[in-house]
Amino acid sequence: STNYADSVRGRFTISRDNDKNTVYLQMNS
């Protein structure tokens, strides 16, 4: 489940790999 600040919604995407214990933030535009 994800939650975003209004200022980044639609441009940023958060994801995680639980096996690698890693979280990512893809930032576009």
PDB file of all heavy atoms in Angstrom:
ATOM      1  N   SER A   1       0.840  -1.195   0.000  1.00  0.00           N
ATOM      2  CA  SER A   1       0.000   0.000   0.000  1.00  0.00           C
ATOM      3  C   SER A   1       0.877   1.247   0.000  1.00  0.00           C
ATOM      4  O   SER A   1       1.848   1.319   0.759  1.00  0.00           O
ATOM      5  CB  SER A   1      -0.912   0.008   1.226  1.00  0.00           C
ATOM      6  OG  SER A   1      -1.811  -1.075   1.188  1.00  0.00           O
ATOM      7  N   THR A   2       0.520   2.197  -0.844  1.00  0.00           N
ATOM      8  CA  THR A   2       1.352   3.392  -1.015  1.00  0.00           C
ATOM      9  C   THR A   2       0.601   4.661  -0.643  1.00  0.00           C
ATOM     10  O   THR A   2      -0.636   4.706  -0.654  1.00  0.00           O
ATOM     11  CB  THR A   2       1.838   3.511  -2.464  1.00  0.00           C
ATOM     12  OG1 THR A   2       0.706   3.565  -3.343  1.00  0.00           O
ATOM     13  CG2 THR A   2       2.716   2.335  -2.848  1.00  0.00           C
ATOM     14  N   ASN A   3       1.391   5.675  -0.332  1.00  0.00           N
ATOM     15  CA  ASN A   3       0.856   6.998  -0.021  1.00  0.00           C
ATOM     16  C   ASN A   3       1.834   8.018  -0.574  1.00  0.00           C
ATOM     17  O   ASN A   3       3.051   7.844  -0.453  1.00  0.00           O
ATOM     18  CB  ASN A   3       0.720   7.161   1.496  1.00  0.00           C
ATOM     19  CG  ASN A   3       0.165   8.522   1.877  1.00  0.00           C
ATOM     20  OD1 ASN A   3      -0.827   8.955   1.323  1.00  0.00           O
ATOM     21  ND2 ASN A   3       0.824   9.190   2.811  1.00  0.00           N
ATOM     22  N   TYR A   4       1.303   9.087  -1.184  1.00  0.00           N
ATOM     23  CA  TYR A   4       2.155  10.098  -1.803  1.00  0.00           C
ATOM     24  C   TYR A   4       1.766  11.494  -1.347  1.00  0.00           C
ATOM     25  O   TYR A   4       0.583  11.784  -1.108  1.00  0.00           O
ATOM     26  CB  TYR A   4       2.028  10.052  -3.332  1.00  0.00           C
ATOM     27  CG  TYR A   4       2.560   8.801  -3.968  1.00  0.00           C
ATOM     28  CD1 TYR A   4       1.719   7.718  -4.229  1.00  0.00           C
ATOM     29  CD2 TYR A   4       3.901   8.696  -4.342  1.00  0.00           C
ATOM     30  CE1 TYR A   4       2.203   6.562  -4.821  1.00  0.00           C
ATOM     31  CE2 TYR A   4       4.388   7.549  -4.938  1.00  0.00           C
ATOM     32  CZ  TYR A   4       3.533   6.488  -5.170  1.00  0.00           C
ATOM     33  OH  TYR A   4       4.011   5.346  -5.776  1.00  0.00           O
ATOM     34  N   ALA A   5       2.757  12.367  -1.302  1.00  0.00           N
ATOM     35  CA  ALA A   5       2.477  13.784  -1.129  1.00  0.00           C
ATOM     36  C   ALA A   5       1.811  14.293  -2.401  1.00  0.00           C
ATOM     37  O   ALA A   5       2.113  13.827  -3.510  1.00  0.00           O
ATOM     38  CB  ALA A   5       3.768  14.546  -0.866  1.00  0.00           C
ATOM     39  N   ASP A   6       0.914  15.253  -2.248  1.00  0.00           N
ATOM     40  CA  ASP A   6       0.216  15.802  -3.412  1.00  0.00           C
ATOM     41  C   ASP A   6       1.192  16.369  -4.441  1.00  0.00           C
ATOM     42  O   ASP A   6       0.955  16.274  -5.641  1.00  0.00           O
ATOM     43  CB  ASP A   6      -0.753  16.899  -2.972  1.00  0.00           C
ATOM     44  CG  ASP A   6      -1.955  16.356  -2.232  1.00  0.00           C
ATOM     45  OD1 ASP A   6      -2.229  15.143  -2.320  1.00  0.00           O
ATOM     46  OD2 ASP A   6      -2.622  17.146  -1.546  1.00  0.00           O
ATOM     47  N   SER A   7       2.297  16.911  -3.961  1.00  0.00           N
ATOM     48  CA  SER A   7       3.249  17.577  -4.853  1.00  0.00           C
ATOM     49  C   SER A   7       3.986  16.609  -5.778  1.00  0.00           C
ATOM     50  O   SER A   7       4.561  17.048  -6.775  1.00  0.00           O
ATOM     51  CB  SER A   7       4.265  18.367  -4.023  1.00  0.00           C
ATOM     52  OG  SER A   7       4.963  17.510  -3.141  1.00  0.00           O
ATOM     53  N   VAL A   8       3.981  15.322  -5.451  1.00  0.00           N
ATOM     54  CA  VAL A   8       4.715  14.358  -6.277  1.00  0.00           C
ATOM     55  C   VAL A   8       3.818  13.302  -6.915  1.00  0.00           C
ATOM     56  O   VAL A   8       4.279  12.530  -7.760  1.00  0.00           O
ATOM     57  CB  VAL A   8       5.830  13.658  -5.467  1.00  0.00           C
ATOM     58  CG1 VAL A   8       6.727  14.680  -4.781  1.00  0.00           C
ATOM     59  CG2 VAL A   8       5.262  12.681  -4.447  1.00  0.00           C
ATOM     60  N   ARG A   9       2.567  13.272  -6.498  1.00  0.00           N
ATOM     61  CA  ARG A   9       1.664  12.233  -7.027  1.00  0.00           C
ATOM     62  C   ARG A   9       1.563  12.343  -8.533  1.00  0.00           C
ATOM     63  O   ARG A   9       1.373  13.420  -9.084  1.00  0.00           O
ATOM     64  CB  ARG A   9       0.289  12.336  -6.375  1.00  0.00           C
ATOM     65  CG  ARG A   9      -0.640  11.181  -6.733  1.00  0.00           C
ATOM     66  CD  ARG A   9      -1.938  11.259  -5.955  1.00  0.00           C
ATOM     67  NE  ARG A   9      -1.745  10.999  -4.534  1.00  0.00           N
ATOM     68  CZ  ARG A   9      -1.909  11.908  -3.581  1.00  0.00           C
ATOM     69  NH1 ARG A   9      -2.267  13.143  -3.907  1.00  0.00           N
ATOM     70  NH2 ARG A   9      -1.721  11.598  -2.321  1.00  0.00           N
ATOM     71  N   GLY A  10       1.708  11.213  -9.210  1.00  0.00           N
ATOM     72  CA  GLY A  10       1.666  11.191 -10.669  1.00  0.00           C
ATOM     73  C   GLY A  10       3.032  11.339 -11.321  1.00  0.00           C
ATOM     74  O   GLY A  10       3.186  11.049 -12.516  1.00  0.00           O
ATOM     75  N   ARG A  11       4.024  11.797 -10.563  1.00  0.00           N
ATOM     76  CA  ARG A  11       5.383  11.943 -11.097  1.00  0.00           C
ATOM     77  C   ARG A  11       6.352  10.959 -10.453  1.00  0.00           C
ATOM     78  O   ARG A  11       7.276  10.486 -11.105  1.00  0.00           O
ATOM     79  CB  ARG A  11       5.894  13.363 -10.856  1.00  0.00           C
ATOM     80  CG  ARG A  11       5.064  14.455 -11.514  1.00  0.00           C
ATOM     81  CD  ARG A  11       5.740  15.818 -11.382  1.00  0.00           C
ATOM     82  NE  ARG A  11       5.872  16.247  -9.993  1.00  0.00           N
ATOM     83  CZ  ARG A  11       7.041  16.549  -9.416  1.00  0.00           C
ATOM     84  NH1 ARG A  11       8.169  16.452 -10.100  1.00  0.00           N
ATOM     85  NH2 ARG A  11       7.077  16.935  -8.149  1.00  0.00           N
ATOM     86  N   PHE A  12       6.156  10.659  -9.183  1.00  0.00           N
ATOM     87  CA  PHE A  12       7.046   9.759  -8.444  1.00  0.00           C
ATOM     88  C   PHE A  12       6.334   8.438  -8.189  1.00  0.00           C
ATOM     89  O   PHE A  12       5.119   8.399  -7.997  1.00  0.00           O
ATOM     90  CB  PHE A  12       7.442  10.355  -7.101  1.00  0.00           C
ATOM     91  CG  PHE A  12       8.323  11.573  -7.161  1.00  0.00           C
ATOM     92  CD1 PHE A  12       8.617  12.210  -8.361  1.00  0.00           C
ATOM     93  CD2 PHE A  12       8.893  12.081  -6.005  1.00  0.00           C
ATOM     94  CE1 PHE A  12       9.427  13.326  -8.412  1.00  0.00           C
ATOM     95  CE2 PHE A  12       9.717  13.195  -6.034  1.00  0.00           C
ATOM     96  CZ  PHE A  12       9.970  13.822  -7.237  1.00  0.00           C
ATOM     97  N   THR A  13       7.117   7.366  -8.167  1.00  0.00           N
ATOM     98  CA  THR A  13       6.582   6.042  -7.846  1.00  0.00           C
ATOM     99  C   THR A  13       7.480   5.356  -6.830  1.00  0.00           C
ATOM    100  O   THR A  13       8.684   5.230  -7.057  1.00  0.00           O
ATOM    101  CB  THR A  13       6.478   5.172  -9.100  1.00  0.00           C
ATOM    102  OG1 THR A  13       5.656   5.814 -10.075  1.00  0.00           O
ATOM    103  CG2 THR A  13       5.866   3.812  -8.755  1.00  0.00           C
ATOM    104  N   ILE A  14       6.878   4.954  -5.721  1.00  0.00           N
ATOM    105  CA  ILE A  14       7.632   4.220  -4.706  1.00  0.00           C
ATOM    106  C   ILE A  14       7.358   2.731  -4.864  1.00  0.00           C
ATOM    107  O   ILE A  14       6.238   2.321  -5.202  1.00  0.00           O
ATOM    108  CB  ILE A  14       7.249   4.696  -3.280  1.00  0.00           C
ATOM    109  CG1 ILE A  14       8.207   4.092  -2.240  1.00  0.00           C
ATOM    110  CG2 ILE A  14       5.808   4.384  -2.949  1.00  0.00           C
ATOM    111  CD1 ILE A  14       8.050   4.707  -0.843  1.00  0.00           C
ATOM    112  N   SER A  15       8.388   1.937  -4.663  1.00  0.00           N
ATOM    113  CA  SER A  15       8.246   0.483  -4.727  1.00  0.00           C
ATOM    114  C   SER A  15       9.233  -0.150  -3.759  1.00  0.00           C
ATOM    115  O   SER A  15      10.145   0.526  -3.266  1.00  0.00           O
ATOM    116  CB  SER A  15       8.498  -0.024  -6.152  1.00  0.00           C
ATOM    117  OG  SER A  15       9.815   0.281  -6.574  1.00  0.00           O
ATOM    118  N   ARG A  16       9.023  -1.418  -3.466  1.00  0.00           N
ATOM    119  CA  ARG A  16       9.958  -2.100  -2.573  1.00  0.00           C
ATOM    120  C   ARG A  16      10.118  -3.545  -2.985  1.00  0.00           C
ATOM    121  O   ARG A  16       9.198  -4.140  -3.551  1.00  0.00           O
ATOM    122  CB  ARG A  16       9.527  -1.983  -1.108  1.00  0.00           C
ATOM    123  CG  ARG A  16       8.269  -2.708  -0.735  1.00  0.00           C
ATOM    124  CD  ARG A  16       7.816  -2.358   0.676  1.00  0.00           C
ATOM    125  NE  ARG A  16       8.640  -2.946   1.715  1.00  0.00           N
ATOM    126  CZ  ARG A  16       8.465  -2.720   3.013  1.00  0.00           C
ATOM    127  NH1 ARG A  16       7.520  -1.884   3.426  1.00  0.00           N
ATOM    128  NH2 ARG A  16       9.252  -3.297   3.909  1.00  0.00           N
ATOM    129  N   ASP A  17      11.294  -4.051  -2.690  1.00  0.00           N
ATOM    130  CA  ASP A  17      11.607  -5.465  -2.904  1.00  0.00           C
ATOM    131  C   ASP A  17      11.850  -6.053  -1.523  1.00  0.00           C
ATOM    132  O   ASP A  17      12.915  -5.832  -0.929  1.00  0.00           O
ATOM    133  CB  ASP A  17      12.834  -5.598  -3.800  1.00  0.00           C
ATOM    134  CG  ASP A  17      13.155  -7.037  -4.162  1.00  0.00           C
ATOM    135  OD1 ASP A  17      12.855  -7.943  -3.355  1.00  0.00           O
ATOM    136  OD2 ASP A  17      13.729  -7.261  -5.236  1.00  0.00           O
ATOM    137  N   ASN A  18      10.870  -6.766  -0.998  1.00  0.00           N
ATOM    138  CA  ASN A  18      10.979  -7.284   0.364  1.00  0.00           C
ATOM    139  C   ASN A  18      12.099  -8.325   0.488  1.00  0.00           C
ATOM    140  O   ASN A  18      12.727  -8.448   1.539  1.00  0.00           O
ATOM    141  CB  ASN A  18       9.659  -7.888   0.805  1.00  0.00           C
ATOM    142  CG  ASN A  18       8.588  -6.818   1.005  1.00  0.00           C
ATOM    143  OD1 ASN A  18       8.896  -5.678   1.351  1.00  0.00           O
ATOM    144  ND2 ASN A  18       7.344  -7.167   0.774  1.00  0.00           N
ATOM    145  N   ASP A  19      12.356  -9.057  -0.578  1.00  0.00           N
ATOM    146  CA  ASP A  19      13.437 -10.064  -0.536  1.00  0.00           C
ATOM    147  C   ASP A  19      14.797  -9.390  -0.374  1.00  0.00           C
ATOM    148  O   ASP A  19      15.689  -9.929   0.281  1.00  0.00           O
ATOM    149  CB  ASP A  19      13.416 -10.918  -1.794  1.00  0.00           C
ATOM    150  CG  ASP A  19      12.220 -11.843  -1.858  1.00  0.00           C
ATOM    151  OD1 ASP A  19      11.640 -12.130  -0.779  1.00  0.00           O
ATOM    152  OD2 ASP A  19      11.843 -12.267  -2.957  1.00  0.00           O
ATOM    153  N   LYS A  20      14.940  -8.214  -0.996  1.00  0.00           N
ATOM    154  CA  LYS A  20      16.204  -7.482  -0.914  1.00  0.00           C
ATOM    155  C   LYS A  20      16.197  -6.450   0.208  1.00  0.00           C
ATOM    156  O   LYS A  20      17.202  -5.785   0.440  1.00  0.00           O
ATOM    157  CB  LYS A  20      16.501  -6.793  -2.243  1.00  0.00           C
ATOM    158  CG  LYS A  20      16.753  -7.749  -3.402  1.00  0.00           C
ATOM    159  CD  LYS A  20      17.082  -6.989  -4.679  1.00  0.00           C
ATOM    160  CE  LYS A  20      17.375  -7.939  -5.829  1.00  0.00           C
ATOM    161  NZ  LYS A  20      17.679  -7.206  -7.092  1.00  0.00           N
ATOM    162  N   ASN A  21      15.047  -6.301   0.875  1.00  0.00           N
ATOM    163  CA  ASN A  21      14.910  -5.305   1.939  1.00  0.00           C
ATOM    164  C   ASN A  21      15.304  -3.919   1.436  1.00  0.00           C
ATOM    165  O   ASN A  21      16.051  -3.180   2.092  1.00  0.00           O
ATOM    166  CB  ASN A  21      15.759  -5.692   3.162  1.00  0.00           C
ATOM    167  CG  ASN A  21      15.175  -5.173   4.461  1.00  0.00           C
ATOM    168  OD1 ASN A  21      14.049  -4.675   4.498  1.00  0.00           O
ATOM    169  ND2 ASN A  21      15.957  -5.256   5.525  1.00  0.00           N
ATOM    170  N   THR A  22      14.803  -3.583   0.267  1.00  0.00           N
ATOM    171  CA  THR A  22      15.171  -2.344  -0.420  1.00  0.00           C
ATOM    172  C   THR A  22      13.916  -1.624  -0.892  1.00  0.00           C
ATOM    173  O   THR A  22      12.962  -2.262  -1.340  1.00  0.00           O
ATOM    174  CB  THR A  22      16.083  -2.655  -1.620  1.00  0.00           C
ATOM    175  OG1 THR A  22      17.289  -3.269  -1.153  1.00  0.00           O
ATOM    176  CG2 THR A  22      16.453  -1.375  -2.364  1.00  0.00           C
ATOM    177  N   VAL A  23      13.939  -0.311  -0.767  1.00  0.00           N
ATOM    178  CA  VAL A  23      12.853   0.522  -1.266  1.00  0.00           C
ATOM    179  C   VAL A  23      13.414   1.460  -2.327  1.00  0.00           C
ATOM    180  O   VAL A  23      14.561   1.892  -2.242  1.00  0.00           O
ATOM    181  CB  VAL A  23      12.177   1.301  -0.119  1.00  0.00           C
ATOM    182  CG1 VAL A  23      13.126   2.292   0.540  1.00  0.00           C
ATOM    183  CG2 VAL A  23      10.925   2.010  -0.608  1.00  0.00           C
ATOM    184  N   TYR A  24      12.598   1.756  -3.322  1.00  0.00           N
ATOM    185  CA  TYR A  24      13.004   2.574  -4.451  1.00  0.00           C
ATOM    186  C   TYR A  24      12.071   3.774  -4.592  1.00  0.00           C
ATOM    187  O   TYR A  24      10.918   3.733  -4.172  1.00  0.00           O
ATOM    188  CB  TYR A  24      12.966   1.770  -5.752  1.00  0.00           C
ATOM    189  CG  TYR A  24      13.767   0.491  -5.702  1.00  0.00           C
ATOM    190  CD1 TYR A  24      13.147  -0.719  -5.391  1.00  0.00           C
ATOM    191  CD2 TYR A  24      15.134   0.487  -5.951  1.00  0.00           C
ATOM    192  CE1 TYR A  24      13.879  -1.909  -5.339  1.00  0.00           C
ATOM    193  CE2 TYR A  24      15.867  -0.690  -5.898  1.00  0.00           C
ATOM    194  CZ  TYR A  24      15.235  -1.880  -5.593  1.00  0.00           C
ATOM    195  OH  TYR A  24      15.953  -3.037  -5.530  1.00  0.00           O
ATOM    196  N   LEU A  25      12.583   4.813  -5.224  1.00  0.00           N
ATOM    197  CA  LEU A  25      11.765   5.963  -5.575  1.00  0.00           C
ATOM    198  C   LEU A  25      12.123   6.368  -6.997  1.00  0.00           C
ATOM    199  O   LEU A  25      13.212   6.879  -7.236  1.00  0.00           O
ATOM    200  CB  LEU A  25      11.975   7.133  -4.611  1.00  0.00           C
ATOM    201  CG  LEU A  25      11.055   8.319  -4.838  1.00  0.00           C
ATOM    202  CD1 LEU A  25       9.614   7.944  -4.457  1.00  0.00           C
ATOM    203  CD2 LEU A  25      11.499   9.534  -4.029  1.00  0.00           C
ATOM    204  N   GLN A  26      11.217   6.091  -7.918  1.00  0.00           N
ATOM    205  CA  GLN A  26      11.391   6.522  -9.296  1.00  0.00           C
ATOM    206  C   GLN A  26      10.813   7.921  -9.423  1.00  0.00           C
ATOM    207  O   GLN A  26       9.619   8.129  -9.148  1.00  0.00           O
ATOM    208  CB  GLN A  26      10.680   5.567 -10.258  1.00  0.00           C
ATOM    209  CG  GLN A  26      10.765   5.978 -11.719  1.00  0.00           C
ATOM    210  CD  GLN A  26      12.176   5.926 -12.270  1.00  0.00           C
ATOM    211  OE1 GLN A  26      12.921   4.982 -12.005  1.00  0.00           O
ATOM    212  NE2 GLN A  26      12.560   6.942 -13.030  1.00  0.00           N
ATOM    213  N   MET A  27      11.651   8.866  -9.823  1.00  0.00           N
ATOM    214  CA  MET A  27      11.243  10.260  -9.904  1.00  0.00           C
ATOM    215  C   MET A  27      11.311  10.703 -11.357  1.00  0.00           C
ATOM    216  O   MET A  27      12.396  10.715 -11.956  1.00  0.00           O
ATOM    217  CB  MET A  27      12.160  11.127  -9.035  1.00  0.00           C
ATOM    218  CG  MET A  27      12.215  10.679  -7.587  1.00  0.00           C
ATOM    219  SD  MET A  27      13.161  11.804  -6.535  1.00  0.00           S
ATOM    220  CE  MET A  27      14.794  11.612  -7.238  1.00  0.00           C
ATOM    221  N   ASN A  28      10.162  11.042 -11.911  1.00  0.00           N
ATOM    222  CA  ASN A  28      10.066  11.510 -13.296  1.00  0.00           C
ATOM    223  C   ASN A  28       9.588  12.953 -13.329  1.00  0.00           C
ATOM    224  O   ASN A  28       9.041  13.458 -12.350  1.00  0.00           O
ATOM    225  CB  ASN A  28       9.106  10.621 -14.083  1.00  0.00           C
ATOM    226  CG  ASN A  28       9.558   9.179 -14.163  1.00  0.00           C
ATOM    227  OD1 ASN A  28      10.755   8.880 -14.182  1.00  0.00           O
ATOM    228  ND2 ASN A  28       8.597   8.264 -14.221  1.00  0.00           N
ATOM    229  N   SER A  29       9.762  13.587 -14.472  1.00  0.00           N
ATOM    230  CA  SER A  29       9.312  14.976 -14.651  1.00  0.00           C
ATOM    231  C   SER A  29       9.770  15.855 -13.494  1.00  0.00           C
ATOM    232  O   SER A  29       8.984  16.615 -12.919  1.00  0.00           O
ATOM    233  CB  SER A  29       7.782  15.021 -14.777  1.00  0.00           C
ATOM    234  OG  SER A  29       7.348  14.220 -15.850  1.00  0.00           O
TER     235      SER A  29
END
